[in-house]
N, C-alpha and C. Protein backbone atom coordinates (compact mmCIF):
# COMPACT_ATOMS: atom_id res chain seq x y z
N MET A 1 178.09 126.11 99.15
CA MET A 1 178.20 125.21 100.28
C MET A 1 178.43 126.00 101.58
N LYS A 2 179.29 127.06 101.47
CA LYS A 2 179.53 127.90 102.64
C LYS A 2 178.24 128.58 103.08
N ASN A 3 177.42 129.00 102.10
CA ASN A 3 176.17 129.67 102.42
C ASN A 3 175.21 128.74 103.17
N VAL A 4 175.14 127.49 102.77
CA VAL A 4 174.27 126.51 103.41
C VAL A 4 174.74 126.27 104.85
N ALA A 5 176.05 126.10 105.05
CA ALA A 5 176.60 125.87 106.38
C ALA A 5 176.34 127.09 107.27
N LEU A 6 176.53 128.28 106.71
CA LEU A 6 176.30 129.51 107.46
C LEU A 6 174.81 129.64 107.81
N PHE A 7 173.94 129.31 106.86
CA PHE A 7 172.49 129.35 107.09
C PHE A 7 172.10 128.38 108.20
N LEU A 8 172.61 127.16 108.13
CA LEU A 8 172.28 126.15 109.15
C LEU A 8 172.80 126.56 110.52
N LYS A 9 174.00 127.12 110.57
CA LYS A 9 174.58 127.56 111.83
C LYS A 9 173.74 128.68 112.42
N GLY A 10 173.33 129.63 111.59
CA GLY A 10 172.50 130.74 112.06
C GLY A 10 171.14 130.27 112.53
N THR A 11 170.54 129.35 111.77
CA THR A 11 169.24 128.81 112.15
C THR A 11 169.33 128.06 113.47
N PHE A 12 170.37 127.26 113.64
CA PHE A 12 170.58 126.52 114.88
C PHE A 12 170.74 127.48 116.06
N THR A 13 171.52 128.54 115.86
CA THR A 13 171.74 129.52 116.93
C THR A 13 170.42 130.19 117.32
N ILE A 14 169.63 130.61 116.34
CA ILE A 14 168.36 131.28 116.63
C ILE A 14 167.40 130.32 117.33
N LEU A 15 167.30 129.08 116.84
CA LEU A 15 166.42 128.10 117.48
C LEU A 15 166.86 127.80 118.91
N SER A 16 168.15 127.69 119.12
CA SER A 16 168.67 127.45 120.48
C SER A 16 168.29 128.60 121.40
N PHE A 17 168.47 129.81 120.91
CA PHE A 17 168.12 130.99 121.71
C PHE A 17 166.64 130.99 122.06
N LEU A 18 165.78 130.71 121.08
CA LEU A 18 164.34 130.70 121.32
C LEU A 18 163.94 129.62 122.32
N ILE A 19 164.53 128.45 122.20
CA ILE A 19 164.22 127.37 123.13
C ILE A 19 164.67 127.74 124.54
N LEU A 20 165.89 128.22 124.69
CA LEU A 20 166.40 128.57 126.01
C LEU A 20 165.66 129.74 126.63
N SER A 21 165.18 130.68 125.80
CA SER A 21 164.47 131.83 126.36
C SER A 21 163.12 131.42 126.93
N GLN A 22 162.62 130.26 126.56
CA GLN A 22 161.34 129.77 127.07
C GLN A 22 161.50 129.01 128.39
N CYS A 23 162.73 128.68 128.75
CA CYS A 23 162.98 127.96 129.99
C CYS A 23 162.81 128.89 131.17
N LYS A 24 162.17 128.37 132.20
CA LYS A 24 161.99 129.14 133.42
C LYS A 24 162.77 128.44 134.51
N PRO A 25 163.33 129.21 135.44
CA PRO A 25 164.06 128.55 136.52
C PRO A 25 163.13 127.69 137.35
N MET A 26 163.66 126.57 137.82
CA MET A 26 162.89 125.69 138.68
C MET A 26 162.70 126.38 140.01
N PRO A 27 161.51 126.30 140.59
CA PRO A 27 161.35 126.90 141.91
C PRO A 27 162.24 126.19 142.90
N ASN A 28 162.76 126.94 143.85
CA ASN A 28 163.61 126.37 144.87
C ASN A 28 162.72 125.68 145.89
N SER A 29 162.53 124.38 145.71
CA SER A 29 161.59 123.65 146.55
C SER A 29 162.04 123.62 148.00
N THR A 30 163.32 123.74 148.26
CA THR A 30 163.80 123.74 149.64
C THR A 30 163.24 124.93 150.39
N SER A 31 163.37 126.13 149.81
CA SER A 31 162.90 127.31 150.52
C SER A 31 161.38 127.32 150.64
N GLN A 32 160.67 126.72 149.66
CA GLN A 32 159.22 126.67 149.74
C GLN A 32 158.78 125.71 150.83
N ASN A 33 159.61 124.76 151.17
CA ASN A 33 159.26 123.77 152.17
C ASN A 33 159.96 124.00 153.49
N GLU A 34 160.39 125.22 153.73
CA GLU A 34 161.05 125.54 155.00
C GLU A 34 160.17 126.46 155.83
N LYS A 35 160.22 126.24 157.13
CA LYS A 35 159.50 127.08 158.08
C LYS A 35 160.46 127.47 159.19
N THR A 36 160.15 128.59 159.83
CA THR A 36 160.88 128.99 161.02
C THR A 36 159.98 128.76 162.21
N PHE A 37 160.47 128.01 163.18
CA PHE A 37 159.72 127.74 164.40
C PHE A 37 160.44 128.36 165.58
N ILE A 38 159.66 128.89 166.50
CA ILE A 38 160.17 129.28 167.82
C ILE A 38 159.70 128.18 168.76
N VAL A 39 160.63 127.57 169.45
CA VAL A 39 160.32 126.47 170.37
C VAL A 39 160.49 126.99 171.79
N GLY A 40 159.44 126.86 172.58
CA GLY A 40 159.43 127.38 173.95
C GLY A 40 160.33 126.63 174.90
N PRO A 41 160.61 127.25 176.06
CA PRO A 41 161.53 126.67 177.03
C PRO A 41 160.95 125.52 177.86
N GLU A 42 159.65 125.30 177.77
CA GLU A 42 159.01 124.23 178.52
C GLU A 42 158.12 123.41 177.62
N THR A 43 157.95 122.14 177.96
CA THR A 43 156.98 121.29 177.27
C THR A 43 155.65 121.39 178.01
N ALA A 44 154.60 120.89 177.39
CA ALA A 44 153.28 120.91 178.02
C ALA A 44 152.68 119.51 177.93
N ASP A 45 151.86 119.19 178.92
CA ASP A 45 151.12 117.92 178.87
C ASP A 45 150.14 118.00 177.71
N CYS A 46 150.08 116.93 176.95
CA CYS A 46 149.14 116.86 175.84
C CYS A 46 148.79 115.40 175.62
N THR A 47 147.79 115.17 174.80
CA THR A 47 147.37 113.80 174.54
C THR A 47 147.30 113.57 173.04
N GLY A 48 148.13 112.63 172.58
CA GLY A 48 148.07 112.17 171.20
C GLY A 48 147.35 110.84 171.24
N VAL A 49 148.05 109.78 170.92
CA VAL A 49 147.50 108.44 171.08
C VAL A 49 147.42 108.12 172.57
N ALA A 50 148.37 108.67 173.32
CA ALA A 50 148.43 108.49 174.77
C ALA A 50 148.91 109.81 175.36
N PRO A 51 148.79 109.98 176.67
CA PRO A 51 149.32 111.20 177.28
C PRO A 51 150.82 111.31 177.01
N MET A 52 151.27 112.52 176.73
CA MET A 52 152.68 112.74 176.39
C MET A 52 153.04 114.19 176.68
N LYS A 53 154.29 114.54 176.46
CA LYS A 53 154.77 115.91 176.57
C LYS A 53 154.96 116.46 175.16
N CYS A 54 154.44 117.66 174.91
CA CYS A 54 154.57 118.29 173.60
C CYS A 54 155.46 119.52 173.69
N LEU A 55 156.26 119.72 172.66
CA LEU A 55 156.97 120.98 172.54
C LEU A 55 155.95 122.08 172.36
N GLN A 56 156.29 123.27 172.81
CA GLN A 56 155.46 124.45 172.58
C GLN A 56 156.10 125.22 171.43
N VAL A 57 155.35 125.42 170.36
CA VAL A 57 155.91 125.98 169.13
C VAL A 57 155.02 127.10 168.61
N LYS A 58 155.65 128.11 168.02
CA LYS A 58 154.93 129.14 167.28
C LYS A 58 155.80 129.59 166.13
N GLU A 59 155.17 130.17 165.09
CA GLU A 59 155.92 130.59 163.91
C GLU A 59 156.32 132.05 163.96
N LYS A 60 155.58 132.87 164.71
CA LYS A 60 155.91 134.29 164.89
C LYS A 60 155.87 134.61 166.37
N GLY A 61 156.66 135.59 166.77
CA GLY A 61 156.70 135.98 168.18
C GLY A 61 155.36 136.40 168.73
N SER A 62 154.49 136.94 167.88
CA SER A 62 153.18 137.42 168.33
C SER A 62 152.13 136.30 168.40
N ASP A 63 152.45 135.12 167.88
CA ASP A 63 151.51 134.00 167.91
C ASP A 63 151.41 133.41 169.31
N SER A 64 150.37 132.63 169.54
CA SER A 64 150.23 131.88 170.79
C SER A 64 150.98 130.56 170.66
N TRP A 65 151.44 130.04 171.79
CA TRP A 65 152.11 128.74 171.78
C TRP A 65 151.11 127.66 171.40
N GLN A 66 151.55 126.71 170.58
CA GLN A 66 150.74 125.58 170.14
C GLN A 66 151.46 124.29 170.50
N ASN A 67 150.69 123.26 170.84
CA ASN A 67 151.28 121.95 171.08
C ASN A 67 151.81 121.40 169.76
N PHE A 68 153.02 120.83 169.81
CA PHE A 68 153.63 120.22 168.63
C PHE A 68 153.73 118.74 168.93
N TYR A 69 152.91 117.95 168.25
CA TYR A 69 152.70 116.55 168.60
C TYR A 69 153.71 115.58 168.00
N THR A 70 154.59 116.04 167.17
CA THR A 70 155.56 115.14 166.53
C THR A 70 156.98 115.62 166.86
N ASN A 71 157.96 114.95 166.33
CA ASN A 71 159.34 115.36 166.61
C ASN A 71 159.93 116.09 165.40
N ILE A 72 161.05 116.75 165.64
CA ILE A 72 161.80 117.40 164.58
C ILE A 72 163.10 116.61 164.45
N GLU A 73 163.23 115.89 163.34
CA GLU A 73 164.39 115.04 163.14
C GLU A 73 165.67 115.89 163.17
N GLY A 74 166.64 115.45 163.97
CA GLY A 74 167.91 116.15 164.06
C GLY A 74 167.96 117.21 165.16
N PHE A 75 166.85 117.44 165.85
CA PHE A 75 166.78 118.45 166.90
C PHE A 75 166.70 117.76 168.25
N THR A 76 167.58 118.18 169.17
CA THR A 76 167.55 117.67 170.53
C THR A 76 167.13 118.81 171.45
N TYR A 77 165.97 118.65 172.05
CA TYR A 77 165.39 119.67 172.92
C TYR A 77 166.03 119.63 174.30
N GLU A 78 166.33 120.79 174.85
CA GLU A 78 166.84 120.91 176.21
C GLU A 78 165.95 121.91 176.94
N PRO A 79 165.25 121.48 178.02
CA PRO A 79 164.36 122.39 178.74
C PRO A 79 165.12 123.62 179.25
N GLY A 80 164.39 124.74 179.33
CA GLY A 80 164.98 125.96 179.86
C GLY A 80 165.55 126.88 178.78
N TYR A 81 165.47 126.47 177.55
CA TYR A 81 165.98 127.28 176.44
C TYR A 81 164.87 127.53 175.42
N GLU A 82 164.89 128.73 174.85
CA GLU A 82 164.01 129.03 173.73
C GLU A 82 164.84 128.95 172.46
N TYR A 83 164.33 128.25 171.49
CA TYR A 83 165.06 128.02 170.25
C TYR A 83 164.36 128.72 169.09
N VAL A 84 165.15 129.14 168.13
CA VAL A 84 164.62 129.53 166.82
C VAL A 84 165.23 128.54 165.84
N LEU A 85 164.36 127.83 165.14
CA LEU A 85 164.80 126.76 164.24
C LEU A 85 164.29 126.99 162.83
N LYS A 86 165.11 126.63 161.87
CA LYS A 86 164.66 126.50 160.47
C LYS A 86 164.45 125.02 160.26
N VAL A 87 163.26 124.65 159.82
CA VAL A 87 162.96 123.25 159.59
C VAL A 87 162.44 123.04 158.18
N LYS A 88 162.74 121.88 157.64
CA LYS A 88 162.24 121.50 156.33
C LYS A 88 161.02 120.62 156.55
N THR A 89 159.98 120.87 155.77
CA THR A 89 158.78 120.06 155.86
C THR A 89 158.65 119.20 154.61
N GLU A 90 158.28 117.96 154.81
CA GLU A 90 158.05 117.04 153.70
C GLU A 90 156.75 116.30 153.94
N LYS A 91 155.92 116.25 152.92
CA LYS A 91 154.66 115.52 153.03
C LYS A 91 154.96 114.02 153.06
N ILE A 92 154.33 113.31 153.98
CA ILE A 92 154.50 111.87 154.11
C ILE A 92 153.37 111.18 153.34
N GLU A 93 153.75 110.36 152.40
CA GLU A 93 152.76 109.57 151.67
C GLU A 93 152.28 108.44 152.58
N ASN A 94 151.00 108.23 152.68
CA ASN A 94 150.40 107.17 153.50
C ASN A 94 150.90 107.20 154.95
N PRO A 95 150.67 108.31 155.66
CA PRO A 95 151.12 108.37 157.06
C PRO A 95 150.31 107.41 157.93
N PRO A 96 150.87 107.00 159.07
CA PRO A 96 150.10 106.15 159.98
C PRO A 96 148.87 106.93 160.47
N MET A 97 147.82 106.22 160.81
CA MET A 97 146.57 106.87 161.22
C MET A 97 146.76 107.77 162.44
N ASP A 98 147.69 107.41 163.31
CA ASP A 98 147.90 108.20 164.51
C ASP A 98 149.11 109.11 164.40
N GLY A 99 149.64 109.28 163.19
CA GLY A 99 150.86 110.09 163.02
C GLY A 99 150.64 111.31 162.16
N SER A 100 151.64 112.13 162.12
CA SER A 100 151.60 113.36 161.33
C SER A 100 151.71 113.03 159.84
N SER A 101 151.12 113.87 159.02
CA SER A 101 151.25 113.71 157.57
C SER A 101 152.43 114.52 157.05
N ILE A 102 153.14 115.17 157.98
CA ILE A 102 154.31 115.99 157.61
C ILE A 102 155.52 115.55 158.44
N LYS A 103 156.64 115.39 157.76
CA LYS A 103 157.91 115.09 158.43
C LYS A 103 158.67 116.40 158.58
N TYR A 104 159.17 116.66 159.77
CA TYR A 104 159.94 117.88 160.06
C TYR A 104 161.39 117.51 160.28
N THR A 105 162.29 118.20 159.58
CA THR A 105 163.72 117.94 159.70
C THR A 105 164.44 119.26 159.98
N LEU A 106 165.32 119.25 160.97
CA LEU A 106 166.08 120.45 161.30
C LEU A 106 167.02 120.80 160.16
N VAL A 107 166.95 122.05 159.71
CA VAL A 107 167.87 122.56 158.71
C VAL A 107 168.98 123.34 159.41
N LYS A 108 168.55 124.19 160.38
CA LYS A 108 169.53 125.03 161.08
C LYS A 108 168.93 125.48 162.41
N GLN A 109 169.75 125.43 163.46
CA GLN A 109 169.37 126.03 164.73
C GLN A 109 169.86 127.47 164.68
N VAL A 110 168.93 128.40 164.55
CA VAL A 110 169.29 129.82 164.38
C VAL A 110 169.77 130.40 165.71
N SER A 111 169.06 130.05 166.80
CA SER A 111 169.48 130.55 168.12
C SER A 111 169.00 129.62 169.23
N LYS A 112 169.67 129.76 170.38
CA LYS A 112 169.31 129.01 171.59
C LYS A 112 169.55 129.98 172.74
N THR A 113 168.45 130.40 173.41
CA THR A 113 168.53 131.43 174.44
C THR A 113 168.06 130.86 175.76
N LYS A 114 168.86 131.03 176.82
CA LYS A 114 168.49 130.57 178.16
C LYS A 114 167.32 131.39 178.66
N LYS A 115 166.27 130.73 179.17
CA LYS A 115 165.07 131.42 179.70
C LYS A 115 164.87 131.12 181.15
């Protein structure tokens, strides 16, 4: 009886080890869905559905400024400052025809520099 219990315990341990060794860590979806944006000190005239003011945004210092037609939830822009922001991106299911298919949410304001 002891031999059977010992056999079952050993078999269970080996099977548990084999099952757990096949597990892979889940990808960190937060970091995969994060971007760093540099936001310029001035807005620019642009046209979405109607004429509006767009933030000027780039992902690297060497990039050209691009119009950013949507907002970044949780971020309050103040003219005259250049910002470095970490933002989370989320795909929007069934976005409005005139809206972005991506939702941007502020994760962290890395810096705010007077320009």
